[in-house]
């Protein structure tokens, strides 16, 4: 079936740095603890779904086993692959192509979407799992295909074709502001602005299209590569629409590494992938504060406020690029007790394996920034991000200031609807004072003041030296006539204990930071601790200001720190 020289590409774990190799071995060994040999699947690592099995993690773990290739790794991987491929969704019984065509169930225990289970996208099925499983299996065929029985190779090719055909059926049905809280969530949301699945899907289409002589897949891959490259390079911005995410920017790195190393000859993917990876790594290098072991905000989508507490894919790549095992890393010290563990069973061993490709596209100064934050060398970042492909005026401004053991980030946006809670448009992070009798090997505790959840669709948040200024002006867009003022402005505060926090002072009462707050058009704040729910495991104090101003008066808050 192969249409060009796609014999297994030379790959050896010996090419990895000591740090990357340690990450590979440790994470793959840890992931093995979830393996259930009675069904040849990984058990779910998500505390919310104990006892269930995890299709995505199992499929990607199989690739890790093939890369390691020790003892019975290949035989175990083959059994996993055969099981996962056997659960893939095909056409409906009447021959029609459903929206979940070519993707895989969350767990083998689940019935297919439909009458018994529902058919809500991202709830009853996840269309992006085509891309996660598909890209990982392409990687496996490219590097370890020679280890597999012919029947398994053919099964994987058939599964990848089905997944790629499923990608072709996706459409953008939520409109250009697909991350708003009030979108039609019964519809799909794939377009170039949804960066991580677009990058993965483009590679999947390209690789399996070339491998099996599918011209329609090849043509679509080249077109999709051009589309996202055009959005990335719009007006020289060199930024993805899904900007600065500890999780999804890491998935971008994963996908772009595959573009560079395993796309077909003469494809746009190699050239464009190299360009976009280099510029993305430069942004990460500027936004990463090694003293805090964290990316600075703002975040388009995040699962937390502290990368030393939750598993982040960017954290895996940065770790794999560190100069030594003793260099502080932006990942939890222990798997036990860390948050968002589901990514740990999928990505760190693959990030480690792909790290030489990422390293080759990364300037030396970025690698230095990952290792240390030079004392006294403050850093300022100013970026523009185009939000969608429909409206060229839909541009967001991103600013960040980084100093010794502190980062401040803000984002300005003017959109018709409030974004979902995963967006953090303004954030201050700092190193908290160490607790008594704390080991020096323990990562520093990180405090945070986050504008979270967002309550307005028009936010002007700007970071400067030791200052975060936030205002909520009227819309300046032609279609902004229906914009309304937020009723409240909410900050999430955390990372510290109750006895450290002077709660009656609100934002000014956080420990380890001298904070002053000035407001205009906001009333007296109230403070509450929400111990019954959390933001992805981050339990916070919430400081809520009522908005008392009416336009044309613009409500605002200025936070200054020392």
Protein backbone atom coordinates (compact mmCIF):
# COMPACT_ATOMS: atom_id res chain seq x y z
CA UNK A 1 0.00 0.00 0.00
CA UNK A 2 2.92 2.36 0.54
CA UNK A 3 3.29 5.04 -2.13
CA UNK A 4 6.72 6.42 -1.22
CA UNK A 5 9.73 5.40 0.80
CA UNK A 6 7.95 5.02 4.11
CA UNK A 7 9.97 2.22 5.55
CA UNK A 8 10.51 2.64 9.26
CA UNK A 9 12.55 5.75 9.97
CA UNK A 10 15.60 5.17 12.13
CA UNK A 11 14.77 5.93 15.74
CA UNK A 12 16.73 5.03 18.83
CA UNK A 13 16.24 5.91 22.46
CA UNK A 14 19.99 6.40 22.59
CA UNK A 15 19.47 9.66 20.69
CA UNK A 16 17.65 11.14 23.68
CA UNK A 17 19.35 13.32 26.25
CA UNK A 18 19.69 11.85 29.76
CA UNK A 19 16.81 14.03 30.94
CA UNK A 20 14.54 13.04 28.05
CA UNK A 21 15.41 9.38 28.49
CA UNK A 22 14.61 9.57 32.19
CA UNK A 23 11.26 11.20 31.40
CA UNK A 24 10.54 8.50 28.80
CA UNK A 25 11.38 5.60 31.09
CA UNK A 26 9.78 7.00 34.23
CA UNK A 27 6.50 7.99 32.58
CA UNK A 28 6.16 4.75 30.63
CA UNK A 29 6.83 2.71 33.77
CA UNK A 30 4.32 4.79 35.75
CA UNK A 31 1.75 4.38 33.00
CA UNK A 32 2.26 0.62 33.06
CA UNK A 33 0.81 0.59 36.57
CA UNK A 34 -2.59 1.37 35.01
CA UNK A 35 -2.40 -1.57 32.59
CA UNK A 36 -5.11 -4.21 32.94
CA UNK A 37 -3.81 -7.41 31.30
CA UNK A 38 -7.21 -9.08 31.52
CA UNK A 39 -8.51 -6.83 28.74
CA UNK A 40 -5.28 -5.31 27.35
CA UNK A 41 -6.32 -1.74 28.09
CA UNK A 42 -5.14 0.91 30.50
CA UNK A 43 -7.47 1.63 33.36
CA UNK A 44 -8.54 5.26 33.49
CA UNK A 45 -6.21 7.47 35.52
CA UNK A 46 -8.98 10.04 35.92
CA UNK A 47 -10.29 10.06 39.51
CA UNK A 48 -13.74 10.84 38.10
CA UNK A 49 -13.91 7.53 36.19
CA UNK A 50 -12.38 4.84 38.41
CA UNK A 51 -12.66 1.32 37.07
CA UNK A 52 -13.26 2.33 33.46
CA UNK A 53 -10.70 1.75 30.76
CA UNK A 54 -9.21 4.50 28.61
CA UNK A 55 -9.07 4.09 24.84
CA UNK A 56 -6.91 7.10 24.02
CA UNK A 57 -4.33 6.40 26.71
CA UNK A 58 -4.19 2.72 25.74
CA UNK A 59 -3.62 3.50 22.06
CA UNK A 60 -0.84 5.98 22.83
CA UNK A 61 0.71 3.73 25.48
CA UNK A 62 1.03 1.04 22.81
CA UNK A 63 3.24 3.43 20.85
CA UNK A 64 5.40 4.00 23.91
CA UNK A 65 5.83 0.24 24.27
CA UNK A 66 6.88 -0.07 20.63
CA UNK A 67 9.42 2.71 21.05
CA UNK A 68 10.89 1.00 24.11
CA UNK A 69 10.83 -2.49 22.51
CA UNK A 70 11.85 -4.55 25.53
CA UNK A 71 10.73 -8.03 26.66
CA UNK A 72 7.09 -8.49 25.61
CA UNK A 73 6.47 -4.81 24.71
CA UNK A 74 5.71 -5.50 21.05
CA UNK A 75 3.32 -8.36 21.78
CA UNK A 76 1.46 -6.25 24.35
CA UNK A 77 1.28 -3.30 21.94
CA UNK A 78 -0.15 -5.51 19.21
CA UNK A 79 -2.92 -6.75 21.50
CA UNK A 80 -3.79 -3.19 22.52
CA UNK A 81 -3.83 -1.97 18.92
CA UNK A 82 -6.07 -4.81 17.81
CA UNK A 83 -8.50 -4.10 20.64
CA UNK A 84 -8.65 -0.35 20.04
CA UNK A 85 -9.01 -0.68 16.27
CA UNK A 86 -11.87 -3.09 16.84
CA UNK A 87 -13.89 -0.46 18.71
CA UNK A 88 -13.58 2.30 16.09
CA UNK A 89 -16.86 3.77 14.89
CA UNK A 90 -17.85 3.20 11.26
CA UNK A 91 -20.94 3.93 9.21
CA UNK A 92 -24.41 3.65 10.66
CA UNK A 93 -26.45 0.52 10.01
CA UNK A 94 -28.33 2.35 7.25
CA UNK A 95 -25.08 3.24 5.49
CA UNK A 96 -24.98 6.91 6.48
CA UNK A 97 -21.88 8.60 7.87
CA UNK A 98 -22.50 9.86 11.42
CA UNK A 99 -20.50 12.72 12.98
CA UNK A 100 -18.53 10.21 15.08
CA UNK A 101 -17.40 8.24 12.03
CA UNK A 102 -13.76 7.18 12.41
CA UNK A 103 -13.29 8.17 16.03
CA UNK A 104 -12.92 5.85 19.01
CA UNK A 105 -15.01 5.42 22.18
CA UNK A 106 -13.83 6.90 25.45
CA UNK A 107 -13.82 3.39 26.89
CA UNK A 108 -14.52 -0.08 25.49
CA UNK A 109 -17.36 -0.39 28.02
CA UNK A 110 -19.32 2.40 26.33
CA UNK A 111 -22.02 1.80 23.73
CA UNK A 112 -21.76 3.79 20.55
CA UNK A 113 -23.44 7.20 20.32
CA UNK A 114 -27.13 6.93 19.62
CA UNK A 115 -30.36 5.90 21.26
CA UNK A 116 -28.83 4.20 24.30
CA UNK A 117 -26.16 6.76 25.06
CA UNK A 118 -26.83 10.12 23.43
CA UNK A 119 -24.90 11.76 20.65
CA UNK A 120 -23.57 15.04 22.06
CA UNK A 121 -20.14 15.95 20.74
CA UNK A 122 -17.39 16.02 23.42
CA UNK A 123 -19.77 14.28 25.84
CA UNK A 124 -20.80 11.00 24.23
CA UNK A 125 -17.92 10.98 21.78
CA UNK A 126 -14.80 13.04 21.14
CA UNK A 127 -13.96 13.74 17.48
CA UNK A 128 -10.43 14.77 18.47
CA UNK A 129 -9.61 11.23 19.52
CA UNK A 130 -9.25 10.43 15.82
CA UNK A 131 -6.32 12.81 15.86
CA UNK A 132 -4.70 11.74 19.13
CA UNK A 133 -4.84 8.04 18.30
CA UNK A 134 -4.21 8.58 14.60
CA UNK A 135 -1.08 10.72 14.94
CA UNK A 136 0.40 8.38 17.55
CA UNK A 137 -0.17 5.37 15.32
CA UNK A 138 1.36 7.19 12.34
CA UNK A 139 4.41 7.79 14.55
CA UNK A 140 4.47 4.09 15.40
CA UNK A 141 4.29 3.00 11.76
CA UNK A 142 6.98 5.51 10.80
CA UNK A 143 9.46 4.34 13.43
CA UNK A 144 8.49 0.84 14.50
CA UNK A 145 6.43 -0.57 11.65
CA UNK A 146 9.14 -3.13 10.95
CA UNK A 147 8.53 -4.71 14.37
CA UNK A 148 4.87 -5.38 13.69
CA UNK A 149 3.19 -8.33 11.98
CA UNK A 150 1.93 -7.48 8.51
CA UNK A 151 -1.65 -8.08 9.65
CA UNK A 152 -1.24 -5.47 12.41
CA UNK A 153 0.27 -2.96 10.00
CA UNK A 154 -2.65 -3.44 7.64
CA UNK A 155 -5.13 -3.13 10.50
CA UNK A 156 -3.53 0.14 11.58
CA UNK A 157 -3.58 1.49 8.03
CA UNK A 158 -7.26 0.65 7.69
CA UNK A 159 -8.00 2.31 11.02
CA UNK A 160 -6.02 5.41 10.06
CA UNK A 161 -7.87 5.70 6.75
CA UNK A 162 -11.17 5.54 8.63
CA UNK A 163 -9.96 8.19 11.08
CA UNK A 164 -8.77 10.44 8.25
CA UNK A 165 -12.07 10.08 6.42
CA UNK A 166 -13.74 11.07 9.67
CA UNK A 167 -11.63 14.23 9.80
CA UNK A 168 -12.98 15.12 6.35
CA UNK A 169 -16.55 15.03 7.70
CA UNK A 170 -15.93 17.63 10.41
CA UNK A 171 -17.29 21.13 9.99
CA UNK A 172 -17.33 24.38 11.93
CA UNK A 173 -20.89 24.72 13.15
CA UNK A 174 -20.41 26.93 16.21
CA UNK A 175 -19.45 30.13 14.48
CA UNK A 176 -16.27 32.20 14.66
CA UNK A 177 -16.43 32.53 18.47
CA UNK A 178 -16.60 28.83 19.21
CA UNK A 179 -15.21 29.16 22.76
CA UNK A 180 -18.10 31.29 24.00
CA UNK A 181 -20.32 30.04 26.80
CA UNK A 182 -23.49 30.28 24.72
CA UNK A 183 -22.47 28.46 21.54
CA UNK A 184 -24.53 25.60 20.16
CA UNK A 185 -22.64 22.75 21.79
CA UNK A 186 -24.49 20.16 19.73
CA UNK A 187 -22.31 21.18 16.78
CA UNK A 188 -18.67 20.59 15.97
CA UNK A 189 -16.14 23.41 16.20
CA UNK A 190 -13.18 22.43 14.04
CA UNK A 191 -11.50 25.15 12.05
CA UNK A 192 -8.00 26.62 11.79
CA UNK A 193 -8.54 28.59 14.98
CA UNK A 194 -8.95 25.34 16.93
CA UNK A 195 -5.24 24.84 16.69
CA UNK A 196 -4.31 21.53 18.26
CA UNK A 197 -6.73 19.15 16.48
CA UNK A 198 -6.21 21.03 13.21
CA UNK A 199 -2.45 20.44 13.40
CA UNK A 200 -2.86 16.79 14.36
CA UNK A 201 -5.55 16.13 11.77
CA UNK A 202 -3.44 17.70 9.03
CA UNK A 203 -0.56 15.34 9.80
CA UNK A 204 -2.89 12.34 9.94
CA UNK A 205 -4.34 13.19 6.52
CA UNK A 206 -0.90 13.75 5.03
CA UNK A 207 0.82 10.66 6.39
CA UNK A 208 -1.84 8.05 5.73
CA UNK A 209 -2.82 9.73 2.45
CA UNK A 210 0.71 9.35 1.10
CA UNK A 211 1.12 5.89 2.58
CA UNK A 212 -2.01 4.56 0.86
CA UNK A 213 -2.12 6.68 -2.33
CA UNK A 214 -5.24 8.61 -1.26
CA UNK A 215 -5.03 11.79 -3.32
CA UNK A 216 -8.08 13.31 -1.63
CA UNK A 217 -6.40 13.07 1.76
CA UNK A 218 -3.09 14.44 0.46
CA UNK A 219 -4.74 17.43 -1.22
CA UNK A 220 -6.76 18.23 1.89
CA UNK A 221 -3.66 17.98 4.09
CA UNK A 222 -1.73 20.44 1.94
CA UNK A 223 -4.70 22.81 1.88
CA UNK A 224 -5.14 22.60 5.65
CA UNK A 225 -1.42 23.19 6.20
CA UNK A 226 -1.63 26.33 4.08
CA UNK A 227 -4.73 27.55 5.92
CA UNK A 228 -3.28 27.33 9.41
CA UNK A 229 0.07 28.72 8.25
CA UNK A 230 -1.76 31.73 6.78
CA UNK A 231 -3.62 32.27 10.05
CA UNK A 232 -0.40 31.88 12.06
CA UNK A 233 1.56 34.37 9.95
CA UNK A 234 -1.28 36.90 9.51
CA UNK A 235 0.20 40.43 9.65
CA UNK A 236 3.45 38.95 10.94
CA UNK A 237 1.84 37.92 14.24
CA UNK A 238 3.34 34.40 14.18
CA UNK A 239 0.90 33.15 16.80
CA UNK A 240 -1.72 30.42 16.90
CA UNK A 241 -5.33 31.38 17.59
CA UNK A 242 -5.38 28.94 20.52
CA UNK A 243 -2.65 30.84 22.32
CA UNK A 244 -0.59 29.96 25.39
CA UNK A 245 -2.02 26.82 26.94
CA UNK A 246 -0.03 24.57 29.22
CA UNK A 247 -1.85 21.62 27.72
CA UNK A 248 -2.75 22.45 24.14
CA UNK A 249 0.35 24.40 23.16
CA UNK A 250 2.15 21.22 24.16
CA UNK A 251 -0.07 19.24 21.80
CA UNK A 252 0.88 21.77 19.10
CA UNK A 253 4.57 20.98 19.72
CA UNK A 254 3.82 17.27 19.46
CA UNK A 255 1.98 17.70 16.16
CA UNK A 256 4.53 20.08 14.64
CA UNK A 257 7.38 17.71 15.50
CA UNK A 258 5.53 15.04 13.52
CA UNK A 259 5.01 17.49 10.64
CA UNK A 260 8.76 18.09 10.48
CA UNK A 261 10.07 14.56 10.92
CA UNK A 262 7.50 12.30 9.30
CA UNK A 263 5.57 14.22 6.65
CA UNK A 264 6.16 13.18 3.04
CA UNK A 265 8.92 14.65 0.86
CA UNK A 266 8.07 17.91 -0.89
CA UNK A 267 5.15 18.53 1.45
CA UNK A 268 4.40 22.00 2.82
CA UNK A 269 4.25 20.44 6.26
CA UNK A 270 8.03 20.26 6.70
CA UNK A 271 8.70 23.90 5.83
CA UNK A 272 5.65 25.33 7.57
CA UNK A 273 6.05 23.05 10.58
CA UNK A 274 9.64 24.16 11.11
CA UNK A 275 8.69 27.84 10.92
CA UNK A 276 5.70 27.56 13.25
CA UNK A 277 7.54 25.37 15.75
CA UNK A 278 10.50 27.74 15.98
CA UNK A 279 8.32 30.80 16.56
CA UNK A 280 6.13 28.97 19.06
CA UNK A 281 9.20 27.84 20.99
CA UNK A 282 10.45 31.43 21.04
CA UNK A 283 7.16 32.55 22.61
CA UNK A 284 7.33 29.75 25.16
CA UNK A 285 10.90 30.76 25.94
CA UNK A 286 9.77 34.30 26.68
CA UNK A 287 6.68 33.31 28.66
CA UNK A 288 8.35 30.64 30.79
CA UNK A 289 9.59 31.77 34.20
CA UNK A 290 12.13 29.18 35.33
CA UNK A 291 12.12 30.63 38.84
CA UNK A 292 8.44 29.72 39.15
CA UNK A 293 8.62 26.62 36.92
CA UNK A 294 5.55 28.00 35.13
CA UNK A 295 4.36 29.68 31.99
CA UNK A 296 3.14 33.21 32.59
CA UNK A 297 -0.44 34.02 31.70
CA UNK A 298 -2.72 34.88 30.11
CA UNK A 299 -4.11 31.51 29.05
CA UNK A 300 -6.58 30.89 26.26
CA UNK A 301 -7.33 27.48 27.75
CA UNK A 302 -5.87 26.07 30.93
CA UNK A 303 -6.40 23.27 33.40
CA UNK A 304 -4.77 25.09 36.28
CA UNK A 305 -2.69 27.95 37.62
CA UNK A 306 0.47 26.07 38.61
CA UNK A 307 2.30 23.55 36.41
CA UNK A 308 4.07 22.03 39.40
CA UNK A 309 0.63 20.78 40.51
CA UNK A 310 -1.04 19.68 37.27
CA UNK A 311 0.18 17.58 34.37
CA UNK A 312 0.83 19.78 31.32
CA UNK A 313 2.09 18.72 27.91
CA UNK A 314 4.23 21.87 27.54
CA UNK A 315 5.78 20.89 30.85
CA UNK A 316 6.87 17.55 29.41
CA UNK A 317 8.57 19.14 26.43
CA UNK A 318 10.35 21.76 28.54
CA UNK A 319 11.48 19.04 30.94
CA UNK A 320 12.87 16.92 28.09
CA UNK A 321 14.91 19.93 26.92
CA UNK A 322 16.49 20.75 30.29
CA UNK A 323 20.28 20.39 30.59
CA UNK A 324 20.38 18.05 33.58
CA UNK A 325 18.26 15.92 35.87
CA UNK A 326 18.92 18.38 38.70
CA UNK A 327 17.45 21.35 36.80
CA UNK A 328 14.02 22.26 38.24
CA UNK A 329 11.23 21.08 35.95
CA UNK A 330 7.70 22.44 35.34
CA UNK A 331 5.96 19.19 36.21
CA UNK A 332 4.60 17.74 39.46
CA UNK A 333 7.20 16.09 41.68
CA UNK A 334 4.99 13.02 42.05
CA UNK A 335 2.25 11.44 39.97
CA UNK A 336 0.34 10.73 43.15
CA UNK A 337 -1.76 13.73 44.05
CA UNK A 338 -1.11 15.64 40.83
CA UNK A 339 -3.96 16.99 38.75
CA UNK A 340 -5.09 16.28 35.18
CA UNK A 341 -3.37 12.90 35.31
CA UNK A 342 -5.04 11.68 32.11
CA UNK A 343 -2.44 13.51 30.03
CA UNK A 344 0.39 11.80 31.92
CA UNK A 345 -0.66 8.40 30.60
CA UNK A 346 -0.61 9.71 27.02
CA UNK A 347 2.10 12.28 26.43
CA UNK A 348 5.35 12.44 28.43
CA UNK A 349 7.00 9.44 26.80
CA UNK A 350 6.00 10.69 23.34
CA UNK A 351 7.20 14.21 24.16
CA UNK A 352 10.52 12.74 25.28
CA UNK A 353 10.81 10.69 22.09
CA UNK A 354 10.11 13.73 19.90
CA UNK A 355 12.26 16.13 21.92
CA UNK A 356 15.32 15.94 19.60
CA UNK A 357 13.15 17.27 16.77
CA UNK A 358 11.87 20.10 18.94
CA UNK A 359 15.38 20.86 20.18
CA UNK A 360 16.62 21.27 16.60
CA UNK A 361 13.99 23.97 16.01
CA UNK A 362 14.64 25.78 19.30
CA UNK A 363 17.08 28.71 19.59
CA UNK A 364 19.79 28.37 22.22
CA UNK A 365 18.55 31.33 24.25
CA UNK A 366 15.19 29.59 24.68
CA UNK A 367 16.89 26.51 26.09
CA UNK A 368 18.80 28.78 28.49
CA UNK A 369 15.54 30.40 29.60
CA UNK A 370 14.11 26.96 30.35
CA UNK A 371 17.04 26.23 32.66
CA UNK A 372 17.21 29.44 34.65
CA UNK A 373 15.69 32.89 35.11
CA UNK A 374 18.64 35.23 35.31
CA UNK A 375 18.28 37.37 38.41
CA UNK A 376 17.43 40.98 37.64
CA UNK A 377 16.74 40.30 33.96
CA UNK A 378 13.13 41.36 33.66
CA UNK A 379 11.27 40.32 30.55
CA UNK A 380 8.33 41.86 28.67
CA UNK A 381 6.21 40.24 25.96
CA UNK A 382 3.78 41.95 23.60
CA UNK A 383 1.91 39.79 21.07
CA UNK A 384 -1.12 39.94 18.82
CA UNK A 385 -3.33 36.94 18.11
CA UNK A 386 -5.95 36.65 15.40
CA UNK A 387 -9.02 34.97 16.86
CA UNK A 388 -10.67 33.45 13.80
CA UNK A 389 -10.54 33.18 10.03
CA UNK A 390 -13.76 35.09 9.44
CA UNK A 391 -13.05 38.57 10.76
CA UNK A 392 -9.56 40.07 10.31
CA UNK A 393 -10.37 42.73 12.91
CA UNK A 394 -10.87 40.06 15.60
CA UNK A 395 -7.41 40.48 17.08
CA UNK A 396 -6.42 40.03 20.72
CA UNK A 397 -3.49 41.76 22.40
CA UNK A 398 -1.35 39.75 24.81
CA UNK A 399 1.13 41.30 27.24
CA UNK A 400 3.24 39.75 29.98
CA UNK A 401 5.92 40.93 32.36
CA UNK A 402 8.26 38.50 34.12
CA UNK A 403 10.55 39.30 37.03
CA UNK A 404 12.36 37.45 39.80
CA UNK A 405 9.85 34.92 41.15
CA UNK A 406 6.85 36.75 39.70
CA UNK A 407 4.92 36.78 36.42
CA UNK A 408 2.05 39.01 35.30
CA UNK A 409 0.03 38.48 32.13
CA UNK A 410 -2.99 40.08 30.51
CA UNK A 411 -5.07 39.82 27.37
CA UNK A 412 -7.33 42.34 25.68
CA UNK A 413 -10.26 41.09 23.66
CA UNK A 414 -13.44 42.50 22.19
CA UNK A 415 -15.84 39.68 21.41
CA UNK A 416 -19.63 39.30 21.27
CA UNK A 417 -19.89 36.61 23.96
CA UNK A 418 -18.20 35.68 27.23
CA UNK A 419 -15.64 32.90 26.88
CA UNK A 420 -15.69 29.61 28.73
CA UNK A 421 -14.11 29.25 32.16
CA UNK A 422 -10.93 27.64 30.81
CA UNK A 423 -9.85 31.08 29.60
CA UNK A 424 -7.83 33.14 32.09
CA UNK A 425 -7.40 36.61 30.55
CA UNK A 426 -5.39 38.08 33.44
CA UNK A 427 -3.08 36.39 35.92
CA UNK A 428 -0.44 37.14 38.55
CA UNK A 429 1.78 34.28 39.79
CA UNK A 430 4.46 34.53 42.44
CA UNK A 431 6.59 32.41 44.72
CA UNK A 432 5.05 32.01 48.16
CA UNK A 433 7.16 32.04 51.32
CA UNK A 434 8.36 28.52 52.19
CA UNK A 435 6.53 26.79 55.00
CA UNK A 436 8.45 25.85 58.16
CA UNK A 437 10.44 22.61 58.00
CA UNK A 438 10.10 22.36 54.22
CA UNK A 439 12.74 20.45 52.28
CA UNK A 440 14.79 22.49 49.84
CA UNK A 441 14.03 19.89 47.16
CA UNK A 442 10.31 20.65 47.24
CA UNK A 443 9.17 22.86 44.33
CA UNK A 444 8.29 26.42 45.34
CA UNK A 445 4.66 27.00 46.16
CA UNK A 446 2.99 29.27 43.64
CA UNK A 447 0.38 31.82 44.57
CA UNK A 448 -2.05 33.13 41.99
CA UNK A 449 -4.47 35.99 41.44
CA UNK A 450 -6.53 35.13 38.37
CA UNK A 451 -9.36 36.92 36.60
CA UNK A 452 -11.38 33.71 36.65
CA UNK A 453 -13.96 32.83 35.58
CA UNK A 454 -14.35 35.53 32.92
CA UNK A 455 -17.58 37.51 33.29
CA UNK A 456 -17.21 39.88 30.33
CA UNK A 457 -16.70 39.52 26.60
CA UNK A 458 -14.86 42.84 26.36
CA UNK A 459 -11.76 42.94 28.53
CA UNK A 460 -8.74 45.17 28.37
CA UNK A 461 -6.13 43.50 30.58
CA UNK A 462 -2.59 44.81 30.25
CA UNK A 463 0.54 43.71 32.07
CA UNK A 464 3.46 46.01 32.74
CA UNK A 465 6.23 46.16 35.32
CA UNK A 466 4.70 44.99 38.62
CA UNK A 467 1.28 46.14 37.44
CA UNK A 468 -1.89 44.57 36.05
CA UNK A 469 -4.53 46.97 34.74
CA UNK A 470 -7.97 45.66 33.77
CA UNK A 471 -10.91 47.59 32.39
CA UNK A 472 -14.24 46.69 30.82
CA UNK A 473 -14.95 49.27 28.10
CA UNK A 474 -17.75 49.37 25.53
CA UNK A 475 -17.14 47.45 22.35
CA UNK A 476 -15.28 49.24 19.59
CA UNK A 477 -16.43 46.71 17.01
CA UNK A 478 -19.07 47.50 14.43
CA UNK A 479 -21.12 44.51 15.59
CA UNK A 480 -20.64 45.32 19.27
CA UNK A 481 -23.85 47.32 19.77
CA UNK A 482 -25.40 44.54 21.88
CA UNK A 483 -22.45 44.25 24.25
CA UNK A 484 -23.31 44.66 27.91
CA UNK A 485 -21.37 45.46 31.06
CA UNK A 486 -20.54 42.54 33.34
CA UNK A 487 -22.51 42.43 36.56
CA UNK A 488 -19.49 41.33 38.56
CA UNK A 489 -15.72 41.04 38.30
CA UNK A 490 -14.33 37.88 39.89
CA UNK A 491 -10.80 36.96 40.96
CA UNK A 492 -9.67 33.49 42.01
CA UNK A 493 -6.90 33.50 44.62
CA UNK A 494 -5.02 30.46 45.83
CA UNK A 495 -1.99 28.30 46.28
CA UNK A 496 -1.74 29.24 49.97
CA UNK A 497 -3.33 28.12 53.22
CA UNK A 498 -6.13 29.80 55.13
CA UNK A 499 -3.89 30.89 58.00
CA UNK A 500 -1.57 32.66 55.58
CA UNK A 501 -4.35 34.71 53.98
CA UNK A 502 -5.82 37.89 55.44
CA UNK A 503 -9.19 37.22 53.84
CA UNK A 504 -10.80 40.46 55.00
CA UNK A 505 -8.43 42.42 52.77
CA UNK A 506 -9.37 40.53 49.61
CA UNK A 507 -6.72 40.66 46.91
CA UNK A 508 -4.51 42.80 49.15
CA UNK A 509 -4.46 40.05 51.78
CA UNK A 510 -2.49 37.42 49.87
CA UNK A 511 0.76 36.21 51.48
CA UNK A 512 4.25 36.84 50.17
CA UNK A 513 3.30 39.79 48.00
CA UNK A 514 2.74 43.45 48.82
CA UNK A 515 -0.42 44.25 46.84
CA UNK A 516 -2.31 47.50 46.39
CA UNK A 517 -5.62 47.75 44.55
CA UNK A 518 -7.28 50.78 42.96
CA UNK A 519 -10.77 50.52 41.48
CA UNK A 520 -13.18 52.69 39.55
CA UNK A 521 -16.81 51.84 38.91
CA UNK A 522 -16.66 48.79 41.19
CA UNK A 523 -18.37 48.38 44.57
CA UNK A 524 -17.19 46.78 47.80
CA UNK A 525 -15.81 43.30 47.28
CA UNK A 526 -16.96 40.17 49.04
CA UNK A 527 -14.78 37.14 49.76
CA UNK A 528 -15.77 33.48 49.82
CA UNK A 529 -13.93 30.17 49.81
CA UNK A 530 -15.42 27.53 47.55
CA UNK A 531 -14.49 24.21 49.07
CA UNK A 532 -17.32 22.27 47.44
CA UNK A 533 -16.08 22.71 43.88
CA UNK A 534 -12.87 23.62 42.13
CA UNK A 535 -11.31 24.71 38.88
CA UNK A 536 -9.90 21.37 37.74
CA UNK A 537 -8.76 20.58 41.28
CA UNK A 538 -7.59 24.09 42.16
CA UNK A 539 -9.62 25.19 45.17
CA UNK A 540 -9.66 28.96 45.44
CA UNK A 541 -10.79 31.97 47.36
CA UNK A 542 -13.09 34.13 45.23
CA UNK A 543 -13.03 37.90 45.52
CA UNK A 544 -16.08 39.36 43.77
CA UNK A 545 -16.58 43.03 42.94
CA UNK A 546 -20.05 44.26 41.89
CA UNK A 547 -19.97 46.56 38.88
CA UNK A 548 -21.54 49.90 39.82
CA UNK A 549 -20.57 51.93 36.76
CA UNK A 550 -22.64 52.44 33.64
CA UNK A 551 -21.16 53.22 30.28
CA UNK A 552 -19.70 55.63 29.22
CA UNK A 553 -17.97 55.33 32.62
CA UNK A 554 -15.57 52.39 32.32
CA UNK A 555 -15.17 50.09 35.33
CA UNK A 556 -11.56 49.25 36.02
CA UNK A 557 -9.14 47.79 38.52
CA UNK A 558 -5.40 48.34 38.89
CA UNK A 559 -3.33 45.84 40.86
CA UNK A 560 0.20 46.86 41.78
CA UNK A 561 2.64 44.45 43.44
CA UNK A 562 5.97 44.81 45.21
